[in-house]
C-alpha atoms as a PDB file:
ATOM      1  CA  MET A   1      25.595 -82.532  27.137  1.00  0.00           C
ATOM      2  CA  GLN A   2      28.683 -84.089  25.608  1.00  0.00           C
ATOM      3  CA  ASN A   3      30.677 -80.865  26.037  1.00  0.00           C
ATOM      4  CA  SER A   4      29.819 -80.754  29.727  1.00  0.00           C
ATOM      5  CA  ARG A   5      31.212 -84.244  30.377  1.00  0.00           C
ATOM      6  CA  PRO A   6      34.822 -83.082  31.107  1.00  0.00           C
ATOM      7  CA  TYR A   7      33.520 -80.589  33.684  1.00  0.00           C
ATOM      8  CA  ILE A   8      31.349 -83.194  35.411  1.00  0.00           C
ATOM      9  CA  ILE A   9      34.217 -85.687  35.502  1.00  0.00           C
ATOM     10  CA  SER A  10      36.576 -83.063  36.932  1.00  0.00           C
ATOM     11  CA  LEU A  11      34.120 -82.117  39.677  1.00  0.00           C
ATOM     12  CA  LEU A  12      33.441 -85.765  40.544  1.00  0.00           C
ATOM     13  CA  VAL A  13      37.175 -86.493  40.802  1.00  0.00           C
ATOM     14  CA  LEU A  14      37.666 -83.447  43.052  1.00  0.00           C
ATOM     15  CA  LEU A  15      34.694 -84.527  45.195  1.00  0.00           C
ATOM     16  CA  LEU A  16      36.108 -88.031  45.616  1.00  0.00           C
ATOM     17  CA  CYS A  17      39.531 -86.603  46.476  1.00  0.00           C
ATOM     18  CA  THR A  18      37.905 -84.341  49.084  1.00  0.00           C
ATOM     19  CA  VAL A  19      36.122 -87.293  50.700  1.00  0.00           C
ATOM     20  CA  ALA A  20      39.333 -89.359  50.675  1.00  0.00           C
ATOM     21  CA  ALA A  21      41.341 -86.491  52.208  1.00  0.00           C
ATOM     22  CA  TRP A  22      38.601 -86.045  54.838  1.00  0.00           C
ATOM     23  CA  PHE A  23      38.760 -89.669  56.004  1.00  0.00           C
ATOM     24  CA  LEU A  24      42.567 -89.635  55.865  1.00  0.00           C
ATOM     25  CA  ASN A  25      42.663 -86.479  57.999  1.00  0.00           C
ATOM     26  CA  ILE A  26      40.374 -87.987  60.650  1.00  0.00           C
ATOM     27  CA  SER A  27      42.253 -91.292  60.670  1.00  0.00           C
ATOM     28  CA  LEU A  28      45.765 -89.890  61.217  1.00  0.00           C
ATOM     29  CA  GLY A  29      47.131 -88.050  64.223  1.00  0.00           C
ATOM     30  CA  SER A  30      49.427 -88.236  67.221  1.00  0.00           C
ATOM     31  CA  VAL A  31      47.328 -91.135  68.597  1.00  0.00           C
ATOM     32  CA  ASN A  32      47.157 -94.257  66.442  1.00  0.00           C
ATOM     33  CA  ILE A  33      43.490 -95.238  65.994  1.00  0.00           C
ATOM     34  CA  PRO A  34      42.581 -98.193  63.731  1.00  0.00           C
ATOM     35  CA  PHE A  35      40.704 -97.115  60.624  1.00  0.00           C
ATOM     36  CA  MET A  36      37.830 -99.513  61.329  1.00  0.00           C
ATOM     37  CA  GLU A  37      37.375 -97.895  64.757  1.00  0.00           C
ATOM     38  CA  VAL A  38      37.183 -94.505  63.049  1.00  0.00           C
ATOM     39  CA  LEU A  39      34.434 -95.803  60.753  1.00  0.00           C
ATOM     40  CA  THR A  40      32.633 -97.283  63.759  1.00  0.00           C
ATOM     41  CA  VAL A  41      32.549 -93.914  65.507  1.00  0.00           C
ATOM     42  CA  LEU A  42      31.443 -92.097  62.360  1.00  0.00           C
ATOM     43  CA  PHE A  43      28.700 -94.417  61.143  1.00  0.00           C
ATOM     44  CA  SER A  44      27.476 -96.638  63.929  1.00  0.00           C
ATOM     45  CA  SER A  45      28.111 -96.791  67.657  1.00  0.00           C
ATOM     46  CA  GLU A  46      30.763 -95.898  70.181  1.00  0.00           C
ATOM     47  CA  ALA A  47      34.317 -97.158  69.829  1.00  0.00           C
ATOM     48  CA  GLU A  48      35.740 -99.846  72.062  1.00  0.00           C
ATOM     49  CA  ASN A  49      38.067 -97.270  73.599  1.00  0.00           C
ATOM     50  CA  SER A  50      36.294 -94.241  75.111  1.00  0.00           C
ATOM     51  CA  ASN A  51      39.440 -92.153  74.644  1.00  0.00           C
ATOM     52  CA  TRP A  52      39.355 -92.845  70.917  1.00  0.00           C
ATOM     53  CA  GLN A  53      35.704 -91.807  70.853  1.00  0.00           C
ATOM     54  CA  TYR A  54      36.535 -88.499  72.531  1.00  0.00           C
ATOM     55  CA  ILE A  55      39.543 -87.786  70.299  1.00  0.00           C
ATOM     56  CA  ILE A  56      37.563 -88.378  67.112  1.00  0.00           C
ATOM     57  CA  MET A  57      34.368 -86.543  68.093  1.00  0.00           C
ATOM     58  CA  GLU A  58      35.818 -83.618  70.036  1.00  0.00           C
ATOM     59  CA  TYR A  59      39.099 -82.998  68.254  1.00  0.00           C
ATOM     60  CA  ARG A  60      39.622 -84.664  64.882  1.00  0.00           C
ATOM     61  CA  ILE A  61      36.199 -84.078  63.327  1.00  0.00           C
ATOM     62  CA  PRO A  62      36.058 -80.367  64.346  1.00  0.00           C
ATOM     63  CA  LYS A  63      39.639 -79.983  63.079  1.00  0.00           C
ATOM     64  CA  ALA A  64      38.798 -81.602  59.742  1.00  0.00           C
ATOM     65  CA  LEU A  65      35.657 -79.452  59.375  1.00  0.00           C
ATOM     66  CA  THR A  66      37.688 -76.343  60.165  1.00  0.00           C
ATOM     67  CA  SER A  67      40.207 -77.356  57.503  1.00  0.00           C
ATOM     68  CA  VAL A  68      37.427 -77.746  54.936  1.00  0.00           C
ATOM     69  CA  LEU A  69      35.823 -74.397  55.786  1.00  0.00           C
ATOM     70  CA  ALA A  70      39.144 -72.536  55.967  1.00  0.00           C
ATOM     71  CA  GLY A  71      40.625 -74.024  52.801  1.00  0.00           C
ATOM     72  CA  SER A  72      37.512 -73.652  50.669  1.00  0.00           C
ATOM     73  CA  GLY A  73      36.663 -70.191  52.017  1.00  0.00           C
ATOM     74  CA  LEU A  74      40.142 -68.779  51.408  1.00  0.00           C
ATOM     75  CA  ALA A  75      40.283 -70.370  47.952  1.00  0.00           C
ATOM     76  CA  VAL A  76      36.934 -68.857  46.913  1.00  0.00           C
ATOM     77  CA  SER A  77      37.787 -65.413  48.281  1.00  0.00           C
ATOM     78  CA  GLY A  78      41.121 -65.557  46.433  1.00  0.00           C
ATOM     79  CA  MET A  79      39.335 -66.396  43.186  1.00  0.00           C
ATOM     80  CA  LEU A  80      36.906 -63.504  43.702  1.00  0.00           C
ATOM     81  CA  MET A  81      39.733 -61.007  44.210  1.00  0.00           C
ATOM     82  CA  GLN A  82      41.730 -62.299  41.234  1.00  0.00           C
ATOM     83  CA  THR A  83      38.701 -61.927  38.983  1.00  0.00           C
ATOM     84  CA  MET A  84      37.662 -58.566  40.399  1.00  0.00           C
ATOM     85  CA  PHE A  85      41.116 -56.992  40.050  1.00  0.00           C
ATOM     86  CA  ARG A  86      42.114 -59.117  37.037  1.00  0.00           C
ATOM     87  CA  ASN A  87      45.398 -59.642  38.835  1.00  0.00           C
ATOM     88  CA  PRO A  88      46.862 -63.156  39.238  1.00  0.00           C
ATOM     89  CA  LEU A  89      48.751 -62.039  42.365  1.00  0.00           C
ATOM     90  CA  ALA A  90      45.608 -60.920  44.193  1.00  0.00           C
ATOM     91  CA  GLY A  91      44.560 -63.023  47.172  1.00  0.00           C
ATOM     92  CA  PRO A  92      41.945 -63.029  49.930  1.00  0.00           C
ATOM     93  CA  TYR A  93      44.019 -60.663  52.081  1.00  0.00           C
ATOM     94  CA  VAL A  94      44.762 -58.109  49.382  1.00  0.00           C
ATOM     95  CA  LEU A  95      42.198 -55.707  50.898  1.00  0.00           C
ATOM     96  CA  GLY A  96      44.138 -55.601  54.165  1.00  0.00           C
ATOM     97  CA  LEU A  97      41.698 -57.784  56.104  1.00  0.00           C
ATOM     98  CA  SER A  98      44.409 -60.041  57.507  1.00  0.00           C
ATOM     99  CA  SER A  99      46.520 -57.071  58.577  1.00  0.00           C
ATOM    100  CA  GLY A 100      43.517 -55.485  60.270  1.00  0.00           C
ATOM    101  CA  ALA A 101      42.803 -58.730  62.100  1.00  0.00           C
ATOM    102  CA  SER A 102      46.451 -59.005  63.126  1.00  0.00           C
ATOM    103  CA  LEU A 103      46.370 -55.463  64.448  1.00  0.00           C
ATOM    104  CA  GLY A 104      43.303 -56.221  66.557  1.00  0.00           C
ATOM    105  CA  VAL A 105      44.938 -59.311  68.065  1.00  0.00           C
ATOM    106  CA  ALA A 106      48.224 -57.468  68.558  1.00  0.00           C
ATOM    107  CA  LEU A 107      46.476 -54.720  70.532  1.00  0.00           C
ATOM    108  CA  VAL A 108      45.051 -57.375  72.860  1.00  0.00           C
ATOM    109  CA  LEU A 109      48.116 -59.601  73.232  1.00  0.00           C
ATOM    110  CA  MET A 110      50.875 -56.994  73.106  1.00  0.00           C
ATOM    111  CA  GLY A 111      48.947 -54.012  74.398  1.00  0.00           C
ATOM    112  CA  ALA A 112      47.947 -55.828  77.593  1.00  0.00           C
ATOM    113  CA  SER A 113      48.785 -52.842  79.765  1.00  0.00           C
ATOM    114  CA  LEU A 114      45.908 -50.954  78.150  1.00  0.00           C
ATOM    115  CA  PHE A 115      43.419 -53.427  79.597  1.00  0.00           C
ATOM    116  CA  GLY A 116      42.947 -54.592  83.144  1.00  0.00           C
ATOM    117  CA  GLY A 117      40.658 -56.468  85.483  1.00  0.00           C
ATOM    118  CA  LEU A 118      37.581 -58.073  83.992  1.00  0.00           C
ATOM    119  CA  ALA A 119      38.127 -56.498  80.560  1.00  0.00           C
ATOM    120  CA  GLY A 120      41.576 -58.060  80.322  1.00  0.00           C
ATOM    121  CA  SER A 121      40.364 -61.546  81.289  1.00  0.00           C
ATOM    122  CA  VAL A 122      37.572 -61.393  78.681  1.00  0.00           C
ATOM    123  CA  LEU A 123      39.852 -60.176  75.909  1.00  0.00           C
ATOM    124  CA  PHE A 124      42.472 -62.834  76.589  1.00  0.00           C
ATOM    125  CA  SER A 125      39.897 -65.624  76.187  1.00  0.00           C
ATOM    126  CA  SER A 126      39.478 -67.407  72.854  1.00  0.00           C
ATOM    127  CA  TRP A 127      36.317 -65.428  72.108  1.00  0.00           C
ATOM    128  CA  GLY A 128      38.159 -62.227  73.026  1.00  0.00           C
ATOM    129  CA  LEU A 129      40.793 -62.859  70.385  1.00  0.00           C
ATOM    130  CA  VAL A 130      38.083 -63.715  67.845  1.00  0.00           C
ATOM    131  CA  LEU A 131      36.295 -60.456  68.686  1.00  0.00           C
ATOM    132  CA  ALA A 132      39.501 -58.407  68.451  1.00  0.00           C
ATOM    133  CA  SER A 133      40.406 -59.998  65.124  1.00  0.00           C
ATOM    134  CA  SER A 134      36.886 -59.470  63.758  1.00  0.00           C
ATOM    135  CA  LEU A 135      36.826 -55.814  64.806  1.00  0.00           C
ATOM    136  CA  GLY A 136      40.203 -55.212  63.169  1.00  0.00           C
ATOM    137  CA  SER A 137      39.000 -56.773  59.905  1.00  0.00           C
ATOM    138  CA  LEU A 138      35.707 -54.873  60.125  1.00  0.00           C
ATOM    139  CA  LEU A 139      37.405 -51.498  60.484  1.00  0.00           C
ATOM    140  CA  VAL A 140      39.561 -52.158  57.435  1.00  0.00           C
ATOM    141  CA  LEU A 141      36.501 -53.403  55.517  1.00  0.00           C
ATOM    142  CA  LEU A 142      34.554 -50.234  56.318  1.00  0.00           C
ATOM    143  CA  ALA A 143      37.462 -48.101  55.165  1.00  0.00           C
ATOM    144  CA  VAL A 144      37.774 -50.045  51.896  1.00  0.00           C
ATOM    145  CA  MET A 145      34.004 -49.899  51.328  1.00  0.00           C
ATOM    146  CA  LEU A 146      34.021 -46.124  51.795  1.00  0.00           C
ATOM    147  CA  ALA A 147      36.866 -45.879  49.322  1.00  0.00           C
ATOM    148  CA  SER A 148      35.048 -48.094  46.808  1.00  0.00           C
ATOM    149  CA  VAL A 149      32.050 -45.754  46.909  1.00  0.00           C
ATOM    150  CA  ARG A 150      34.169 -42.707  46.089  1.00  0.00           C
ATOM    151  CA  LEU A 151      36.534 -44.333  43.594  1.00  0.00           C
ATOM    152  CA  LYS A 152      35.635 -45.637  40.163  1.00  0.00           C
ATOM    153  CA  ASP A 153      39.014 -47.217  39.491  1.00  0.00           C
ATOM    154  CA  THR A 154      39.213 -50.789  40.784  1.00  0.00           C
ATOM    155  CA  MET A 155      43.017 -50.711  40.878  1.00  0.00           C
ATOM    156  CA  ALA A 156      42.893 -47.694  43.198  1.00  0.00           C
ATOM    157  CA  ILE A 157      40.929 -49.833  45.680  1.00  0.00           C
ATOM    158  CA  LEU A 158      43.651 -52.476  45.430  1.00  0.00           C
ATOM    159  CA  ILE A 159      46.306 -49.881  46.256  1.00  0.00           C
ATOM    160  CA  ILE A 160      44.266 -48.552  49.190  1.00  0.00           C
ATOM    161  CA  GLY A 161      43.924 -52.089  50.558  1.00  0.00           C
ATOM    162  CA  LEU A 162      47.689 -52.545  50.339  1.00  0.00           C
ATOM    163  CA  MET A 163      48.245 -49.214  52.093  1.00  0.00           C
ATOM    164  CA  PHE A 164      45.960 -50.234  54.962  1.00  0.00           C
ATOM    165  CA  ALA A 165      47.897 -53.488  55.198  1.00  0.00           C
ATOM    166  CA  SER A 166      51.194 -51.589  55.395  1.00  0.00           C
ATOM    167  CA  LEU A 167      49.813 -49.206  58.007  1.00  0.00           C
ATOM    168  CA  SER A 168      48.491 -52.039  60.177  1.00  0.00           C
ATOM    169  CA  SER A 169      51.772 -53.955  59.873  1.00  0.00           C
ATOM    170  CA  ALA A 170      53.694 -50.846  60.935  1.00  0.00           C
ATOM    171  CA  VAL A 171      51.605 -50.463  64.099  1.00  0.00           C
ATOM    172  CA  VAL A 172      52.038 -54.164  64.890  1.00  0.00           C
ATOM    173  CA  SER A 173      55.817 -53.791  64.469  1.00  0.00           C
ATOM    174  CA  VAL A 174      55.893 -50.884  66.924  1.00  0.00           C
ATOM    175  CA  LEU A 175      53.859 -52.872  69.454  1.00  0.00           C
ATOM    176  CA  ALA A 176      56.158 -55.873  69.001  1.00  0.00           C
ATOM    177  CA  TYR A 177      59.251 -53.736  69.566  1.00  0.00           C
ATOM    178  CA  PHE A 178      58.048 -52.578  72.991  1.00  0.00           C
ATOM    179  CA  SER A 179      56.382 -55.834  74.091  1.00  0.00           C
ATOM    180  CA  PRO A 180      57.818 -58.321  76.621  1.00  0.00           C
ATOM    181  CA  ALA A 181      59.024 -61.655  75.234  1.00  0.00           C
ATOM    182  CA  ALA A 182      56.054 -63.618  76.640  1.00  0.00           C
ATOM    183  CA  GLN A 183      53.436 -61.394  74.973  1.00  0.00           C
ATOM    184  CA  LEU A 184      55.377 -61.330  71.721  1.00  0.00           C
ATOM    185  CA  GLN A 185      55.525 -65.132  71.757  1.00  0.00           C
ATOM    186  CA  GLN A 186      51.740 -65.343  72.182  1.00  0.00           C
ATOM    187  CA  TYR A 187      51.249 -63.155  69.144  1.00  0.00           C
ATOM    188  CA  VAL A 188      53.764 -65.159  67.079  1.00  0.00           C
ATOM    189  CA  PHE A 189      51.975 -68.423  67.921  1.00  0.00           C
ATOM    190  CA  TRP A 190      48.652 -66.870  66.850  1.00  0.00           C
ATOM    191  CA  SER A 191      50.207 -65.712  63.563  1.00  0.00           C
ATOM    192  CA  TYR A 192      51.190 -69.318  62.737  1.00  0.00           C
ATOM    193  CA  GLY A 193      47.513 -70.169  62.248  1.00  0.00           C
ATOM    194  CA  SER A 194      45.743 -73.259  63.579  1.00  0.00           C
ATOM    195  CA  VAL A 195      42.742 -75.360  62.596  1.00  0.00           C
ATOM    196  CA  GLY A 196      42.737 -77.549  65.715  1.00  0.00           C
ATOM    197  CA  ASP A 197      41.575 -75.148  68.412  1.00  0.00           C
ATOM    198  CA  LEU A 198      37.899 -74.635  67.572  1.00  0.00           C
ATOM    199  CA  SER A 199      35.036 -75.963  69.682  1.00  0.00           C
ATOM    200  CA  TRP A 200      31.752 -77.088  68.147  1.00  0.00           C
ATOM    201  CA  THR A 201      30.193 -73.724  69.105  1.00  0.00           C
ATOM    202  CA  GLU A 202      32.949 -71.723  67.413  1.00  0.00           C
ATOM    203  CA  LEU A 203      32.744 -74.013  64.391  1.00  0.00           C
ATOM    204  CA  GLY A 204      29.009 -73.329  64.147  1.00  0.00           C
ATOM    205  CA  VAL A 205      29.574 -69.563  64.131  1.00  0.00           C
ATOM    206  CA  LEU A 206      32.308 -69.899  61.493  1.00  0.00           C
ATOM    207  CA  SER A 207      30.027 -72.033  59.307  1.00  0.00           C
ATOM    208  CA  ILE A 208      27.383 -69.277  59.332  1.00  0.00           C
ATOM    209  CA  PHE A 209      29.869 -66.729  57.986  1.00  0.00           C
ATOM    210  CA  TRP A 210      31.178 -69.284  55.471  1.00  0.00           C
ATOM    211  CA  THR A 211      27.681 -70.071  54.175  1.00  0.00           C
ATOM    212  CA  SER A 212      26.861 -66.376  53.817  1.00  0.00           C
ATOM    213  CA  GLY A 213      30.069 -65.652  51.903  1.00  0.00           C
ATOM    214  CA  ILE A 214      29.641 -68.629  49.569  1.00  0.00           C
ATOM    215  CA  ALA A 215      25.985 -67.706  48.927  1.00  0.00           C
ATOM    216  CA  ILE A 216      27.006 -64.201  47.792  1.00  0.00           C
ATOM    217  CA  ALA A 217      29.718 -65.706  45.563  1.00  0.00           C
ATOM    218  CA  LEU A 218      27.160 -68.045  43.968  1.00  0.00           C
ATOM    219  CA  PHE A 219      24.830 -65.099  43.389  1.00  0.00           C
ATOM    220  CA  SER A 220      27.679 -63.258  41.604  1.00  0.00           C
ATOM    221  CA  ILE A 221      28.679 -66.023  39.173  1.00  0.00           C
ATOM    222  CA  LYS A 222      27.181 -64.340  36.102  1.00  0.00           C
ATOM    223  CA  ASN A 223      28.866 -61.034  36.911  1.00  0.00           C
ATOM    224  CA  LEU A 224      32.194 -62.764  37.544  1.00  0.00           C
ATOM    225  CA  ASN A 225      32.066 -64.280  34.061  1.00  0.00           C
ATOM    226  CA  SER A 226      31.370 -60.840  32.619  1.00  0.00           C
ATOM    227  CA  LEU A 227      34.337 -59.307  34.463  1.00  0.00           C
ATOM    228  CA  LEU A 228      36.706 -61.767  32.783  1.00  0.00           C
ATOM    229  CA  LEU A 229      36.373 -59.676  29.611  1.00  0.00           C
ATOM    230  CA  GLY A 230      36.879 -56.364  31.406  1.00  0.00           C
ATOM    231  CA  GLU A 231      34.756 -53.771  33.171  1.00  0.00           C
ATOM    232  CA  GLN A 232      33.804 -51.988  29.956  1.00  0.00           C
ATOM    233  CA  TYR A 233      32.333 -55.183  28.524  1.00  0.00           C
ATOM    234  CA  ALA A 234      30.542 -55.852  31.808  1.00  0.00           C
ATOM    235  CA  ARG A 235      29.015 -52.357  31.724  1.00  0.00           C
ATOM    236  CA  SER A 236      27.840 -52.934  28.157  1.00  0.00           C
ATOM    237  CA  LEU A 237      25.904 -55.952  29.443  1.00  0.00           C
ATOM    238  CA  GLY A 238      24.136 -53.720  31.959  1.00  0.00           C
ATOM    239  CA  MET A 239      26.087 -54.754  35.053  1.00  0.00           C
ATOM    240  CA  ASN A 240      26.303 -52.253  37.897  1.00  0.00           C
ATOM    241  CA  ILE A 241      30.063 -52.255  38.541  1.00  0.00           C
ATOM    242  CA  GLY A 242      29.840 -50.491  41.897  1.00  0.00           C
ATOM    243  CA  HIS A 243      27.141 -52.817  43.215  1.00  0.00           C
ATOM    244  CA  ASN A 244      28.967 -55.922  42.000  1.00  0.00           C
ATOM    245  CA  ARG A 245      32.253 -54.677  43.466  1.00  0.00           C
ATOM    246  CA  ALA A 246      30.591 -54.193  46.849  1.00  0.00           C
ATOM    247  CA  LEU A 247      29.152 -57.727  46.769  1.00  0.00           C
ATOM    248  CA  LEU A 248      32.556 -59.254  45.984  1.00  0.00           C
ATOM    249  CA  ILE A 249      34.241 -57.258  48.764  1.00  0.00           C
ATOM    250  CA  ILE A 250      31.558 -58.283  51.271  1.00  0.00           C
ATOM    251  CA  SER A 251      31.808 -61.948  50.258  1.00  0.00           C
ATOM    252  CA  THR A 252      35.592 -61.904  50.575  1.00  0.00           C
ATOM    253  CA  SER A 253      35.369 -60.126  53.921  1.00  0.00           C
ATOM    254  CA  LEU A 254      32.896 -62.649  55.325  1.00  0.00           C
ATOM    255  CA  LEU A 255      35.063 -65.561  54.231  1.00  0.00           C
ATOM    256  CA  ALA A 256      38.607 -64.326  54.802  1.00  0.00           C
ATOM    257  CA  GLY A 257      37.762 -62.173  57.832  1.00  0.00           C
ATOM    258  CA  SER A 258      35.919 -64.916  59.733  1.00  0.00           C
ATOM    259  CA  ILE A 259      38.533 -67.560  58.898  1.00  0.00           C
ATOM    260  CA  THR A 260      41.331 -65.287  60.111  1.00  0.00           C
ATOM    261  CA  ALA A 261      39.369 -64.510  63.261  1.00  0.00           C
ATOM    262  CA  PHE A 262      38.869 -68.171  64.182  1.00  0.00           C
ATOM    263  CA  ALA A 263      41.918 -69.902  62.651  1.00  0.00           C
ATOM    264  CA  GLY A 264      44.474 -67.126  62.364  1.00  0.00           C
ATOM    265  CA  PRO A 265      46.127 -65.897  59.169  1.00  0.00           C
ATOM    266  CA  ILE A 266      46.667 -68.800  56.760  1.00  0.00           C
ATOM    267  CA  ALA A 267      48.849 -67.972  53.793  1.00  0.00           C
ATOM    268  CA  PHE A 268      49.147 -69.282  50.232  1.00  0.00           C
ATOM    269  CA  VAL A 269      45.845 -71.208  49.973  1.00  0.00           C
ATOM    270  CA  GLY A 270      43.764 -68.300  48.674  1.00  0.00           C
ATOM    271  CA  LEU A 271      46.450 -67.226  46.209  1.00  0.00           C
ATOM    272  CA  ALA A 272      47.442 -70.622  44.809  1.00  0.00           C
ATOM    273  CA  VAL A 273      44.317 -72.817  44.709  1.00  0.00           C
ATOM    274  CA  PRO A 274      42.469 -70.807  42.008  1.00  0.00           C
ATOM    275  CA  HIS A 275      45.541 -71.118  39.768  1.00  0.00           C
ATOM    276  CA  LEU A 276      45.901 -74.821  40.512  1.00  0.00           C
ATOM    277  CA  ILE A 277      42.251 -75.408  39.629  1.00  0.00           C
ATOM    278  CA  ARG A 278      42.563 -73.425  36.389  1.00  0.00           C
ATOM    279  CA  GLN A 279      45.444 -75.695  35.406  1.00  0.00           C
ATOM    280  CA  VAL A 280      43.455 -78.922  35.868  1.00  0.00           C
ATOM    281  CA  VAL A 281      39.839 -77.879  35.144  1.00  0.00           C
ATOM    282  CA  PRO A 282      39.093 -76.785  31.565  1.00  0.00           C
ATOM    283  CA  GLY A 283      37.445 -73.445  30.896  1.00  0.00           C
ATOM    284  CA  ASN A 284      36.951 -70.189  32.802  1.00  0.00           C
ATOM    285  CA  ASP A 285      33.236 -70.460  33.565  1.00  0.00           C
ATOM    286  CA  HIS A 286      32.791 -69.601  37.245  1.00  0.00           C
ATOM    287  CA  LYS A 287      29.797 -71.921  37.364  1.00  0.00           C
ATOM    288  CA  ILE A 288      32.379 -74.716  37.147  1.00  0.00           C
ATOM    289  CA  LEU A 289      35.328 -72.933  38.757  1.00  0.00           C
ATOM    290  CA  LEU A 290      33.518 -72.027  41.972  1.00  0.00           C
ATOM    291  CA  PRO A 291      32.649 -75.585  43.129  1.00  0.00           C
ATOM    292  CA  ALA A 292      36.009 -76.809  41.819  1.00  0.00           C
ATOM    293  CA  VAL A 293      37.844 -74.175  43.861  1.00  0.00           C
ATOM    294  CA  ILE A 294      35.791 -75.112  46.936  1.00  0.00           C
ATOM    295  CA  PHE A 295      36.889 -78.741  46.592  1.00  0.00           C
ATOM    296  CA  GLY A 296      40.468 -77.793  45.747  1.00  0.00           C
ATOM    297  CA  GLY A 297      40.847 -75.530  48.774  1.00  0.00           C
ATOM    298  CA  ALA A 298      39.399 -78.191  51.069  1.00  0.00           C
ATOM    299  CA  ILE A 299      41.714 -80.885  49.678  1.00  0.00           C
ATOM    300  CA  LEU A 300      44.862 -78.766  50.026  1.00  0.00           C
ATOM    301  CA  MET A 301      44.024 -77.695  53.563  1.00  0.00           C
ATOM    302  CA  LEU A 302      43.164 -81.228  54.693  1.00  0.00           C
ATOM    303  CA  LEU A 303      46.431 -82.589  53.293  1.00  0.00           C
ATOM    304  CA  CYS A 304      48.469 -79.757  54.781  1.00  0.00           C
ATOM    305  CA  ASP A 305      46.862 -80.366  58.170  1.00  0.00           C
ATOM    306  CA  ILE A 306      47.800 -84.055  57.974  1.00  0.00           C
ATOM    307  CA  VAL A 307      51.436 -83.125  57.377  1.00  0.00           C
ATOM    308  CA  ALA A 308      51.367 -80.445  60.089  1.00  0.00           C
ATOM    309  CA  GLN A 309      50.089 -82.973  62.627  1.00  0.00           C
ATOM    310  CA  LEU A 310      53.122 -85.229  62.022  1.00  0.00           C
ATOM    311  CA  PRO A 311      51.128 -88.490  62.469  1.00  0.00           C
ATOM    312  CA  GLY A 312      52.566 -90.586  65.260  1.00  0.00           C
ATOM    313  CA  SER A 313      54.341 -87.621  66.829  1.00  0.00           C
ATOM    314  CA  GLU A 314      53.320 -85.313  69.667  1.00  0.00           C
ATOM    315  CA  HIS A 315      54.597 -82.264  67.789  1.00  0.00           C
ATOM    316  CA  THR A 316      52.546 -80.019  65.511  1.00  0.00           C
ATOM    317  CA  LEU A 317      54.083 -77.826  62.825  1.00  0.00           C
ATOM    318  CA  PRO A 318      52.726 -74.339  61.956  1.00  0.00           C
ATOM    319  CA  ILE A 319      50.001 -74.747  59.347  1.00  0.00           C
ATOM    320  CA  ASN A 320      51.147 -71.523  57.655  1.00  0.00           C
ATOM    321  CA  ALA A 321      54.545 -73.024  56.887  1.00  0.00           C
ATOM    322  CA  ILE A 322      53.116 -76.308  55.607  1.00  0.00           C
ATOM    323  CA  THR A 323      50.670 -74.689  53.159  1.00  0.00           C
ATOM    324  CA  SER A 324      53.553 -72.915  51.432  1.00  0.00           C
ATOM    325  CA  LEU A 325      56.019 -75.799  51.640  1.00  0.00           C
ATOM    326  CA  ILE A 326      53.548 -78.177  49.985  1.00  0.00           C
ATOM    327  CA  GLY A 327      51.669 -75.814  47.705  1.00  0.00           C
ATOM    328  CA  ALA A 328      54.446 -73.719  46.176  1.00  0.00           C
ATOM    329  CA  PRO A 329      56.375 -76.604  44.539  1.00  0.00           C
ATOM    330  CA  VAL A 330      53.116 -77.979  43.120  1.00  0.00           C
ATOM    331  CA  VAL A 331      52.242 -74.625  41.514  1.00  0.00           C
ATOM    332  CA  ILE A 332      55.763 -74.243  40.114  1.00  0.00           C
ATOM    333  CA  TRP A 333      55.672 -77.769  38.675  1.00  0.00           C
ATOM    334  CA  LEU A 334      52.279 -77.251  37.036  1.00  0.00           C
ATOM    335  CA  LEU A 335      53.298 -73.914  35.507  1.00  0.00           C
ATOM    336  CA  VAL A 336      56.542 -75.366  34.139  1.00  0.00           C
ATOM    337  CA  ARG A 337      54.738 -78.402  32.753  1.00  0.00           C
ATOM    338  CA  LYS A 338      51.938 -76.373  31.142  1.00  0.00           C
ATOM    339  CA  ARG A 339      54.386 -73.661  29.965  1.00  0.00           C
ATOM    340  CA  LYS A 340      51.684 -71.053  30.178  1.00  0.00           C
ATOM    341  CA  PHE A 341      49.720 -69.090  32.753  1.00  0.00           C
ATOM    342  CA  ILE A 342      45.951 -69.491  32.611  1.00  0.00           C
ATOM    343  CA  PHE A 343      43.777 -66.607  33.720  1.00  0.00           C
END
């Protein structure tokens, strides 16, 4: 019990930081709302100002929940891929899921001439873009799954995922070259990523995918610990490598694919958070790392969203840029201070 105390303390600190970042995210924004009014809306009755009530319930809370789901989901999927490939540079999009999603959205936004009438109006809606992004990710997932069945080498799957990403990016580049400026601008704005555009219905659908992906990750904790010592060691323990690989790919696809579909491609979080957590949480046991990474991803995304909102200003910065601007210096500082890379 004594040995487990550092882990419990670390998780409690991360939990408290997540709660603090949550309340800070809801309290700050372009409209100045007193903190006590925020607490009133959250825990008791309606606020004195009906506009404040609407802003908190219909915009800030869904945005904060989206930040938590997106940050934690990308962080977990990044950890799964880093463990599966034993590659510290692997991230949630290493299988080409983000590129497939981008291709689906690009076909809708920049290939508008292919669609017309009712089909065009449906595809240009928010659900249409979600559907296009999901189908693009699904096609890439199916291709990677087929490859994983035929290939025994895990690194070959990594290379195939990168090739699908390159192929999808090439098609998007061709579409962008021939697209009018207005359509190209729509696609660029989508590629910035956003956590503030989801309705309660869309948030409910995203939470279903998130719960499913996290449940599979929890089920795979024992196998993840075995993979830390290599596939040969895992096989000697009786683990079915192909079955476990499929579970990890499906979990990553549910998390990263759904988040990209609803919030757009969000960089850096999935790659950096697992490394940040390994620097501050002792040990490599995924039973501890998994909840710690969930909290860490949520904290980083909530803080980045606060900065992106520019509290007190009407402007909003691209969340993609903020995640890298804030996260990268922190990772560099931790690595320099620790003078070693933990994996």
